[in-house]
Each structure stands twice: as C-alpha cells, then as structure tokens.
PDB file of N, CA and C in Angstrom:
ATOM      1  N   UNK A   1      98.202 176.268 153.797  1.00  0.00           N
ATOM      2  CA  UNK A   1      97.656 175.652 152.558  1.00  0.00           C
ATOM      3  C   UNK A   1      97.072 177.012 151.762  1.00  0.00           C
ATOM      4  N   UNK A   2      96.468 177.983 152.555  1.00  0.00           N
ATOM      5  CA  UNK A   2      95.737 179.128 151.906  1.00  0.00           C
ATOM      6  C   UNK A   2      96.736 180.015 151.477  1.00  0.00           C
ATOM      7  N   UNK A   3      97.803 180.015 152.180  1.00  0.00           N
ATOM      8  CA  UNK A   3      99.016 181.025 151.641  1.00  0.00           C
ATOM      9  C   UNK A   3      99.426 180.766 150.459  1.00  0.00           C
ATOM     10  N   UNK A   4      99.443 179.666 150.239  1.00  0.00           N
ATOM     11  CA  UNK A   4      99.929 179.133 148.971  1.00  0.00           C
ATOM     12  C   UNK A   4      99.250 179.610 147.677  1.00  0.00           C
ATOM     13  N   UNK A   5      97.767 180.276 148.003  1.00  0.00           N
ATOM     14  CA  UNK A   5      96.927 180.702 146.931  1.00  0.00           C
ATOM     15  C   UNK A   5      97.261 182.083 146.345  1.00  0.00           C
ATOM     16  N   UNK A   6      98.272 182.866 147.135  1.00  0.00           N
ATOM     17  CA  UNK A   6      98.646 184.150 146.951  1.00  0.00           C
ATOM     18  C   UNK A   6      99.284 184.108 145.570  1.00  0.00           C
ATOM     19  N   UNK A   7      98.893 185.163 144.802  1.00  0.00           N
ATOM     20  CA  UNK A   7      99.185 185.232 143.485  1.00  0.00           C
ATOM     21  C   UNK A   7      98.418 184.737 142.109  1.00  0.00           C
ATOM     22  N   UNK A   8      97.740 183.757 142.535  1.00  0.00           N
ATOM     23  CA  UNK A   8      96.945 182.941 141.402  1.00  0.00           C
ATOM     24  C   UNK A   8      95.675 183.800 141.077  1.00  0.00           C
ATOM     25  N   UNK A   9      95.714 184.238 140.052  1.00  0.00           N
ATOM     26  CA  UNK A   9      94.552 184.972 139.192  1.00  0.00           C
ATOM     27  C   UNK A   9      93.163 184.286 139.363  1.00  0.00           C
ATOM     28  N   UNK A  10      92.174 185.127 139.899  1.00  0.00           N
ATOM     29  CA  UNK A  10      90.739 184.648 139.995  1.00  0.00           C
ATOM     30  C   UNK A  10      90.433 183.555 140.905  1.00  0.00           C
ATOM     31  N   UNK A  11      91.427 183.396 141.992  1.00  0.00           N
ATOM     32  CA  UNK A  11      91.199 182.666 143.256  1.00  0.00           C
ATOM     33  C   UNK A  11      91.267 183.682 144.346  1.00  0.00           C
ATOM     34  N   UNK A  12      90.116 183.385 145.091  1.00  0.00           N
ATOM     35  CA  UNK A  12      90.051 183.774 146.538  1.00  0.00           C
ATOM     36  C   UNK A  12      89.673 182.766 147.490  1.00  0.00           C
ATOM     37  N   UNK A  13      90.487 183.077 148.617  1.00  0.00           N
ATOM     38  CA  UNK A  13      90.273 182.138 149.889  1.00  0.00           C
ATOM     39  C   UNK A  13      89.704 183.007 151.055  1.00  0.00           C
ATOM     40  N   UNK A  14      88.635 182.499 151.852  1.00  0.00           N
ATOM     41  CA  UNK A  14      88.227 183.117 153.173  1.00  0.00           C
ATOM     42  C   UNK A  14      88.408 182.162 154.024  1.00  0.00           C
ATOM     43  N   UNK A  15      89.142 182.459 155.270  1.00  0.00           N
ATOM     44  CA  UNK A  15      89.418 181.553 156.220  1.00  0.00           C
ATOM     45  C   UNK A  15      88.741 181.962 157.534  1.00  0.00           C
ATOM     46  N   UNK A  16      88.666 181.246 158.591  1.00  0.00           N
ATOM     47  CA  UNK A  16      88.021 181.290 159.953  1.00  0.00           C
ATOM     48  C   UNK A  16      88.962 181.733 160.889  1.00  0.00           C
ATOM     49  N   UNK A  17      90.349 181.651 160.494  1.00  0.00           N
ATOM     50  CA  UNK A  17      91.338 181.912 161.478  1.00  0.00           C
ATOM     51  C   UNK A  17      92.691 182.046 160.934  1.00  0.00           C
ATOM     52  N   UNK A  18      93.540 182.845 161.396  1.00  0.00           N
ATOM     53  CA  UNK A  18      94.781 182.919 160.861  1.00  0.00           C
ATOM     54  C   UNK A  18      95.698 181.912 161.183  1.00  0.00           C
ATOM     55  N   UNK A  19      96.863 181.971 160.748  1.00  0.00           N
ATOM     56  CA  UNK A  19      97.825 180.671 160.661  1.00  0.00           C
ATOM     57  C   UNK A  19      98.276 180.152 162.136  1.00  0.00           C
ATOM     58  N   UNK A  20      98.064 181.126 163.019  1.00  0.00           N
ATOM     59  CA  UNK A  20      98.465 180.654 164.538  1.00  0.00           C
ATOM     60  C   UNK A  20      97.266 180.506 165.430  1.00  0.00           C
ATOM     61  N   UNK A  21      96.111 180.313 164.901  1.00  0.00           N
ATOM     62  CA  UNK A  21      94.678 180.015 165.405  1.00  0.00           C
ATOM     63  C   UNK A  21      93.836 178.774 164.997  1.00  0.00           C
ATOM     64  N   UNK A  22      93.146 178.293 165.643  1.00  0.00           N
ATOM     65  CA  UNK A  22      92.374 177.310 165.331  1.00  0.00           C
ATOM     66  C   UNK A  22      90.852 177.925 165.153  1.00  0.00           C
ATOM     67  N   UNK A  23      89.730 177.357 164.196  1.00  0.00           N
ATOM     68  CA  UNK A  23      88.731 178.012 164.323  1.00  0.00           C
ATOM     69  C   UNK A  23      87.738 176.841 165.178  1.00  0.00           C
ATOM     70  N   UNK A  24      87.022 177.846 165.959  1.00  0.00           N
ATOM     71  CA  UNK A  24      86.229 177.068 167.177  1.00  0.00           C
ATOM     72  C   UNK A  24      85.093 176.371 166.572  1.00  0.00           C
ATOM     73  N   UNK A  25      84.825 175.074 167.377  1.00  0.00           N
ATOM     74  CA  UNK A  25      83.751 174.436 166.839  1.00  0.00           C
ATOM     75  C   UNK A  25      82.336 175.230 167.399  1.00  0.00           C
ATOM     76  N   UNK A  26      81.361 174.736 166.668  1.00  0.00           N
ATOM     77  CA  UNK A  26      79.898 175.392 166.915  1.00  0.00           C
ATOM     78  C   UNK A  26      78.894 174.287 166.418  1.00  0.00           C
ATOM     79  N   UNK A  27      77.791 174.594 167.089  1.00  0.00           N
ATOM     80  CA  UNK A  27      76.724 173.748 166.539  1.00  0.00           C
ATOM     81  C   UNK A  27      76.788 172.044 166.853  1.00  0.00           C
ATOM     82  N   UNK A  28      76.532 171.844 168.391  1.00  0.00           N
ATOM     83  CA  UNK A  28      76.712 170.684 169.006  1.00  0.00           C
ATOM     84  C   UNK A  28      75.439 169.816 168.476  1.00  0.00           C
ATOM     85  N   UNK A  29      75.797 168.664 168.042  1.00  0.00           N
ATOM     86  CA  UNK A  29      74.685 167.760 167.719  1.00  0.00           C
ATOM     87  C   UNK A  29      74.783 166.671 169.233  1.00  0.00           C
ATOM     88  N   UNK A  30      73.669 167.040 170.076  1.00  0.00           N
ATOM     89  CA  UNK A  30      73.776 166.259 171.187  1.00  0.00           C
ATOM     90  C   UNK A  30      73.105 164.836 171.005  1.00  0.00           C
ATOM     91  N   UNK A  31      72.416 164.458 170.171  1.00  0.00           N
ATOM     92  CA  UNK A  31      72.037 163.162 169.682  1.00  0.00           C
ATOM     93  C   UNK A  31      73.295 162.243 169.187  1.00  0.00           C
ATOM     94  N   UNK A  32      74.091 162.796 168.599  1.00  0.00           N
ATOM     95  CA  UNK A  32      75.445 162.135 168.148  1.00  0.00           C
ATOM     96  C   UNK A  32      76.709 162.411 168.656  1.00  0.00           C
ATOM     97  N   UNK A  33      76.523 163.358 169.645  1.00  0.00           N
ATOM     98  CA  UNK A  33      77.546 163.837 170.605  1.00  0.00           C
ATOM     99  C   UNK A  33      78.738 164.126 169.623  1.00  0.00           C
ATOM    100  N   UNK A  34      78.733 165.200 168.805  1.00  0.00           N
ATOM    101  CA  UNK A  34      79.701 165.658 168.166  1.00  0.00           C
ATOM    102  C   UNK A  34      79.445 167.034 167.560  1.00  0.00           C
ATOM    103  N   UNK A  35      80.518 167.724 167.290  1.00  0.00           N
ATOM    104  CA  UNK A  35      80.371 169.074 166.915  1.00  0.00           C
ATOM    105  C   UNK A  35      80.164 168.919 165.202  1.00  0.00           C
ATOM    106  N   UNK A  36      79.357 169.670 164.652  1.00  0.00           N
ATOM    107  CA  UNK A  36      78.700 169.465 162.993  1.00  0.00           C
ATOM    108  C   UNK A  36      79.602 170.698 162.464  1.00  0.00           C
ATOM    109  N   UNK A  37      79.960 171.789 162.955  1.00  0.00           N
ATOM    110  CA  UNK A  37      80.787 172.591 162.203  1.00  0.00           C
ATOM    111  C   UNK A  37      81.717 173.754 163.186  1.00  0.00           C
ATOM    112  N   UNK A  38      82.308 174.420 162.524  1.00  0.00           N
ATOM    113  CA  UNK A  38      82.901 175.500 163.458  1.00  0.00           C
ATOM    114  C   UNK A  38      82.073 176.771 163.230  1.00  0.00           C
ATOM    115  N   UNK A  39      82.516 177.750 164.200  1.00  0.00           N
ATOM    116  CA  UNK A  39      81.665 179.026 164.072  1.00  0.00           C
ATOM    117  C   UNK A  39      81.700 179.869 162.857  1.00  0.00           C
ATOM    118  N   UNK A  40      82.885 179.849 162.021  1.00  0.00           N
ATOM    119  CA  UNK A  40      83.320 180.479 160.963  1.00  0.00           C
ATOM    120  C   UNK A  40      82.087 179.981 159.886  1.00  0.00           C
ATOM    121  N   UNK A  41      82.181 178.499 159.750  1.00  0.00           N
ATOM    122  CA  UNK A  41      81.349 178.146 158.768  1.00  0.00           C
ATOM    123  C   UNK A  41      79.815 178.529 159.062  1.00  0.00           C
ATOM    124  N   UNK A  42      79.595 178.410 160.300  1.00  0.00           N
ATOM    125  CA  UNK A  42      77.922 178.681 160.496  1.00  0.00           C
ATOM    126  C   UNK A  42      77.626 180.123 160.124  1.00  0.00           C
ATOM    127  N   UNK A  43      78.585 181.212 160.335  1.00  0.00           N
ATOM    128  CA  UNK A  43      78.393 182.449 160.059  1.00  0.00           C
ATOM    129  C   UNK A  43      78.535 182.684 158.550  1.00  0.00           C
ATOM    130  N   UNK A  44      79.160 181.933 157.691  1.00  0.00           N
ATOM    131  CA  UNK A  44      79.380 182.120 156.401  1.00  0.00           C
ATOM    132  C   UNK A  44      78.022 181.536 155.720  1.00  0.00           C
ATOM    133  N   UNK A  45      77.569 180.515 156.224  1.00  0.00           N
ATOM    134  CA  UNK A  45      76.173 179.806 155.490  1.00  0.00           C
ATOM    135  C   UNK A  45      75.158 180.976 155.982  1.00  0.00           C
ATOM    136  N   UNK A  46      74.986 181.464 157.502  1.00  0.00           N
ATOM    137  CA  UNK A  46      73.955 181.998 157.806  1.00  0.00           C
ATOM    138  C   UNK A  46      73.872 183.523 156.963  1.00  0.00           C
ATOM    139  N   UNK A  47      75.176 184.110 156.752  1.00  0.00           N
ATOM    140  CA  UNK A  47      75.129 185.500 155.960  1.00  0.00           C
ATOM    141  C   UNK A  47      74.696 185.286 154.376  1.00  0.00           C
ATOM    142  N   UNK A  48      74.945 184.175 153.863  1.00  0.00           N
ATOM    143  CA  UNK A  48      74.436 183.735 152.506  1.00  0.00           C
ATOM    144  C   UNK A  48      73.053 183.429 152.442  1.00  0.00           C
ATOM    145  N   UNK A  49      72.565 182.859 153.468  1.00  0.00           N
ATOM    146  CA  UNK A  49      71.200 182.264 153.672  1.00  0.00           C
ATOM    147  C   UNK A  49      70.455 183.697 153.866  1.00  0.00           C
ATOM    148  N   UNK A  50      70.774 184.689 154.525  1.00  0.00           N
ATOM    149  CA  UNK A  50      70.168 185.930 154.978  1.00  0.00           C
ATOM    150  C   UNK A  50      70.033 186.713 153.844  1.00  0.00           C
ATOM    151  N   UNK A  51      71.057 186.679 152.856  1.00  0.00           N
ATOM    152  CA  UNK A  51      71.305 187.854 151.851  1.00  0.00           C
ATOM    153  C   UNK A  51      71.933 186.952 150.702  1.00  0.00           C
ATOM    154  N   UNK A  52      71.474 186.220 149.932  1.00  0.00           N
ATOM    155  CA  UNK A  52      71.886 185.508 148.866  1.00  0.00           C
ATOM    156  C   UNK A  52      72.555 186.401 147.873  1.00  0.00           C
ATOM    157  N   UNK A  53      72.609 187.750 147.769  1.00  0.00           N
ATOM    158  CA  UNK A  53      73.262 188.789 146.664  1.00  0.00           C
ATOM    159  C   UNK A  53      74.234 189.291 147.529  1.00  0.00           C
ATOM    160  N   UNK A  54      74.712 188.785 148.679  1.00  0.00           N
ATOM    161  CA  UNK A  54      75.888 189.411 149.423  1.00  0.00           C
ATOM    162  C   UNK A  54      76.879 189.535 148.532  1.00  0.00           C
ATOM    163  N   UNK A  55      77.838 190.474 148.952  1.00  0.00           N
ATOM    164  CA  UNK A  55      79.184 190.654 148.077  1.00  0.00           C
ATOM    165  C   UNK A  55      80.275 190.070 148.995  1.00  0.00           C
ATOM    166  N   UNK A  56      81.399 189.734 148.529  1.00  0.00           N
ATOM    167  CA  UNK A  56      82.364 189.184 149.164  1.00  0.00           C
ATOM    168  C   UNK A  56      82.923 190.044 150.240  1.00  0.00           C
ATOM    169  N   UNK A  57      83.185 191.136 149.988  1.00  0.00           N
ATOM    170  CA  UNK A  57      83.447 192.110 151.225  1.00  0.00           C
ATOM    171  C   UNK A  57      82.223 192.354 152.141  1.00  0.00           C
ATOM    172  N   UNK A  58      81.187 192.151 152.151  1.00  0.00           N
ATOM    173  CA  UNK A  58      80.066 192.118 153.124  1.00  0.00           C
ATOM    174  C   UNK A  58      80.099 190.653 153.956  1.00  0.00           C
ATOM    175  N   UNK A  59      80.247 189.493 153.076  1.00  0.00           N
ATOM    176  CA  UNK A  59      80.390 188.421 153.591  1.00  0.00           C
ATOM    177  C   UNK A  59      81.692 188.375 154.620  1.00  0.00           C
ATOM    178  N   UNK A  60      82.652 188.745 154.089  1.00  0.00           N
ATOM    179  CA  UNK A  60      83.925 188.736 155.102  1.00  0.00           C
ATOM    180  C   UNK A  60      83.470 189.473 156.435  1.00  0.00           C
ATOM    181  N   UNK A  61      83.246 190.796 156.170  1.00  0.00           N
ATOM    182  CA  UNK A  61      82.796 191.502 157.287  1.00  0.00           C
ATOM    183  C   UNK A  61      81.919 191.015 158.348  1.00  0.00           C
ATOM    184  N   UNK A  62      80.882 190.509 157.752  1.00  0.00           N
ATOM    185  CA  UNK A  62      80.067 189.693 158.492  1.00  0.00           C
ATOM    186  C   UNK A  62      80.501 188.531 159.379  1.00  0.00           C
ATOM    187  N   UNK A  63      81.432 187.769 158.747  1.00  0.00           N
ATOM    188  CA  UNK A  63      81.955 186.594 159.482  1.00  0.00           C
ATOM    189  C   UNK A  63      83.041 187.064 160.267  1.00  0.00           C
ATOM    190  N   UNK A  64      83.763 188.118 160.027  1.00  0.00           N
ATOM    191  CA  UNK A  64      84.889 188.902 160.722  1.00  0.00           C
ATOM    192  C   UNK A  64      84.238 189.446 162.242  1.00  0.00           C
ATOM    193  N   UNK A  65      82.951 190.071 162.153  1.00  0.00           N
ATOM    194  CA  UNK A  65      82.239 190.624 163.129  1.00  0.00           C
ATOM    195  C   UNK A  65      81.676 189.585 164.214  1.00  0.00           C
ATOM    196  N   UNK A  66      81.509 188.281 163.589  1.00  0.00           N
ATOM    197  CA  UNK A  66      80.566 187.230 164.505  1.00  0.00           C
ATOM    198  C   UNK A  66      81.353 185.911 164.689  1.00  0.00           C
ATOM    199  N   UNK A  67      82.400 185.795 164.167  1.00  0.00           N
ATOM    200  CA  UNK A  67      83.306 184.626 164.637  1.00  0.00           C
ATOM    201  C   UNK A  67      84.069 185.229 165.698  1.00  0.00           C
ATOM    202  N   UNK A  68      83.652 184.893 166.833  1.00  0.00           N
ATOM    203  CA  UNK A  68      84.528 185.108 168.162  1.00  0.00           C
ATOM    204  C   UNK A  68      85.748 184.140 168.296  1.00  0.00           C
ATOM    205  N   UNK A  69      86.792 184.682 168.804  1.00  0.00           N
ATOM    206  CA  UNK A  69      87.843 183.959 169.220  1.00  0.00           C
ATOM    207  C   UNK A  69      88.815 183.445 168.218  1.00  0.00           C
ATOM    208  N   UNK A  70      88.676 183.961 167.071  1.00  0.00           N
ATOM    209  CA  UNK A  70      89.698 183.741 165.989  1.00  0.00           C
ATOM    210  C   UNK A  70      89.323 184.951 165.073  1.00  0.00           C
ATOM    211  N   UNK A  71      90.542 184.951 163.957  1.00  0.00           N
ATOM    212  CA  UNK A  71      90.516 186.226 163.164  1.00  0.00           C
ATOM    213  C   UNK A  71      90.163 185.854 161.703  1.00  0.00           C
ATOM    214  N   UNK A  72      88.889 185.822 161.093  1.00  0.00           N
ATOM    215  CA  UNK A  72      88.428 185.731 159.904  1.00  0.00           C
ATOM    216  C   UNK A  72      89.427 186.418 158.975  1.00  0.00           C
ATOM    217  N   UNK A  73      89.583 185.893 157.810  1.00  0.00           N
ATOM    218  CA  UNK A  73      90.542 186.629 156.786  1.00  0.00           C
ATOM    219  C   UNK A  73      90.304 186.449 155.364  1.00  0.00           C
ATOM    220  N   UNK A  74      90.824 187.214 154.524  1.00  0.00           N
ATOM    221  CA  UNK A  74      90.645 187.111 152.959  1.00  0.00           C
ATOM    222  C   UNK A  74      91.992 186.997 152.476  1.00  0.00           C
ATOM    223  N   UNK A  75      92.310 185.869 151.589  1.00  0.00           N
ATOM    224  CA  UNK A  75      93.781 185.751 150.973  1.00  0.00           C
ATOM    225  C   UNK A  75      93.421 185.862 149.425  1.00  0.00           C
ATOM    226  N   UNK A  76      94.548 186.431 148.917  1.00  0.00           N
ATOM    227  CA  UNK A  76      94.668 186.598 147.430  1.00  0.00           C
ATOM    228  C   UNK A  76      93.744 187.664 146.795  1.00  0.00           C
ATOM    229  N   UNK A  77      93.171 188.524 147.627  1.00  0.00           N
ATOM    230  CA  UNK A  77      92.194 189.586 147.214  1.00  0.00           C
ATOM    231  C   UNK A  77      92.665 190.558 146.050  1.00  0.00           C
ATOM    232  N   UNK A  78      93.961 190.767 145.928  1.00  0.00           N
ATOM    233  CA  UNK A  78      94.734 191.512 144.997  1.00  0.00           C
ATOM    234  C   UNK A  78      94.500 190.895 143.699  1.00  0.00           C
ATOM    235  N   UNK A  79      94.563 189.726 143.590  1.00  0.00           N
ATOM    236  CA  UNK A  79      94.578 188.956 142.341  1.00  0.00           C
ATOM    237  C   UNK A  79      93.202 188.254 141.907  1.00  0.00           C
ATOM    238  N   UNK A  80      92.096 188.689 142.736  1.00  0.00           N
ATOM    239  CA  UNK A  80      90.770 188.212 142.348  1.00  0.00           C
ATOM    240  C   UNK A  80      89.771 189.030 141.605  1.00  0.00           C
ATOM    241  N   UNK A  81      89.619 190.407 141.960  1.00  0.00           N
ATOM    242  CA  UNK A  81      88.571 190.961 141.394  1.00  0.00           C
ATOM    243  C   UNK A  81      88.188 191.927 142.404  1.00  0.00           C
ATOM    244  N   UNK A  82      87.016 192.536 141.957  1.00  0.00           N
ATOM    245  CA  UNK A  82      86.393 193.621 142.830  1.00  0.00           C
ATOM    246  C   UNK A  82      85.396 192.977 143.877  1.00  0.00           C
ATOM    247  N   UNK A  83      85.851 193.016 145.271  1.00  0.00           N
ATOM    248  CA  UNK A  83      85.271 192.320 146.266  1.00  0.00           C
ATOM    249  C   UNK A  83      83.758 193.104 146.744  1.00  0.00           C
ATOM    250  N   UNK A  84      83.734 194.218 146.313  1.00  0.00           N
ATOM    251  CA  UNK A  84      82.714 195.085 146.461  1.00  0.00           C
ATOM    252  C   UNK A  84      81.354 195.064 145.590  1.00  0.00           C
ATOM    253  N   UNK A  85      81.616 194.303 144.484  1.00  0.00           N
ATOM    254  CA  UNK A  85      80.649 194.150 143.410  1.00  0.00           C
ATOM    255  C   UNK A  85      80.284 192.593 143.010  1.00  0.00           C
ATOM    256  N   UNK A  86      81.418 191.862 143.631  1.00  0.00           N
ATOM    257  CA  UNK A  86      81.157 190.362 143.336  1.00  0.00           C
ATOM    258  C   UNK A  86      80.899 189.551 144.724  1.00  0.00           C
ATOM    259  N   UNK A  87      80.214 188.482 144.385  1.00  0.00           N
ATOM    260  CA  UNK A  87      79.814 187.510 145.637  1.00  0.00           C
ATOM    261  C   UNK A  87      79.560 186.072 145.178  1.00  0.00           C
ATOM    262  N   UNK A  88      79.300 185.256 145.988  1.00  0.00           N
ATOM    263  CA  UNK A  88      79.158 183.710 145.872  1.00  0.00           C
ATOM    264  C   UNK A  88      77.980 183.363 145.105  1.00  0.00           C
ATOM    265  N   UNK A  89      76.834 184.448 144.703  1.00  0.00           N
ATOM    266  CA  UNK A  89      75.694 184.129 144.510  1.00  0.00           C
ATOM    267  C   UNK A  89      75.731 183.491 143.191  1.00  0.00           C
ATOM    268  N   UNK A  90      76.899 183.363 142.131  1.00  0.00           N
ATOM    269  CA  UNK A  90      76.866 182.770 140.940  1.00  0.00           C
ATOM    270  C   UNK A  90      77.108 181.315 141.251  1.00  0.00           C
ATOM    271  N   UNK A  91      77.552 180.998 142.102  1.00  0.00           N
ATOM    272  CA  UNK A  91      77.939 179.582 142.503  1.00  0.00           C
ATOM    273  C   UNK A  91      76.590 178.800 143.498  1.00  0.00           C
ATOM    274  N   UNK A  92      75.755 179.626 143.791  1.00  0.00           N
ATOM    275  CA  UNK A  92      74.591 179.064 144.537  1.00  0.00           C
ATOM    276  C   UNK A  92      73.294 178.986 143.784  1.00  0.00           C
ATOM    277  N   UNK A  93      72.705 177.650 143.587  1.00  0.00           N
ATOM    278  CA  UNK A  93      71.668 177.295 142.684  1.00  0.00           C
ATOM    279  C   UNK A  93      70.485 177.057 143.967  1.00  0.00           C
ATOM    280  N   UNK A  94      69.243 177.433 143.463  1.00  0.00           N
ATOM    281  CA  UNK A  94      68.086 177.220 144.318  1.00  0.00           C
ATOM    282  C   UNK A  94      67.658 175.816 143.842  1.00  0.00           C
TER     283      UNK A  94
END
C-alpha cells in the first residue's frame, strides 16, 4: 500500500517495517488481554510527545533507532519536501 504513494507530490509515509516484515506488538493491556499498539507507533507517539517541534528526519531517526525487530522507513521523501525543516507539528493541536 505504501509503495503506491511513490511519486505523489506532497505525500510522505513512514512505516514501522519493510514489505517483508511485520511491525511487532507492544504495550500489552493485561486487563483486556490484548496488545494496544505496535512498537513503531509507541516510538512515533513518544518522540512527538517529547519534542512537539521534531522534524520528520529526527522523527524517522528516533523510530528507526528504537523500533527493534523491524526496519522503519520513509516512503516518497523525494516528492515531499525538506525533512530537515518540516515536521508533524502543523497537524498537532493542543
């Protein structure tokens, strides 16, 4: 699904695994006996919560370094813009 985004101007995707991997579960809810999210998502949310002004580049690096067992990646960066100066802050409201 993410590979189909290649070439579309202004669209960026970040994934927790490549096409041959799965993203591993994380954050077990013992009361309900289910996994609440995967490790990539936990890292993604943690990085933004710790630094709301984080750039997409730094968000990717954080997720890639902290997501063990799979390989985080960015898709369509060549058609998105400058990952060093932009980030998800414009989409986050307090």
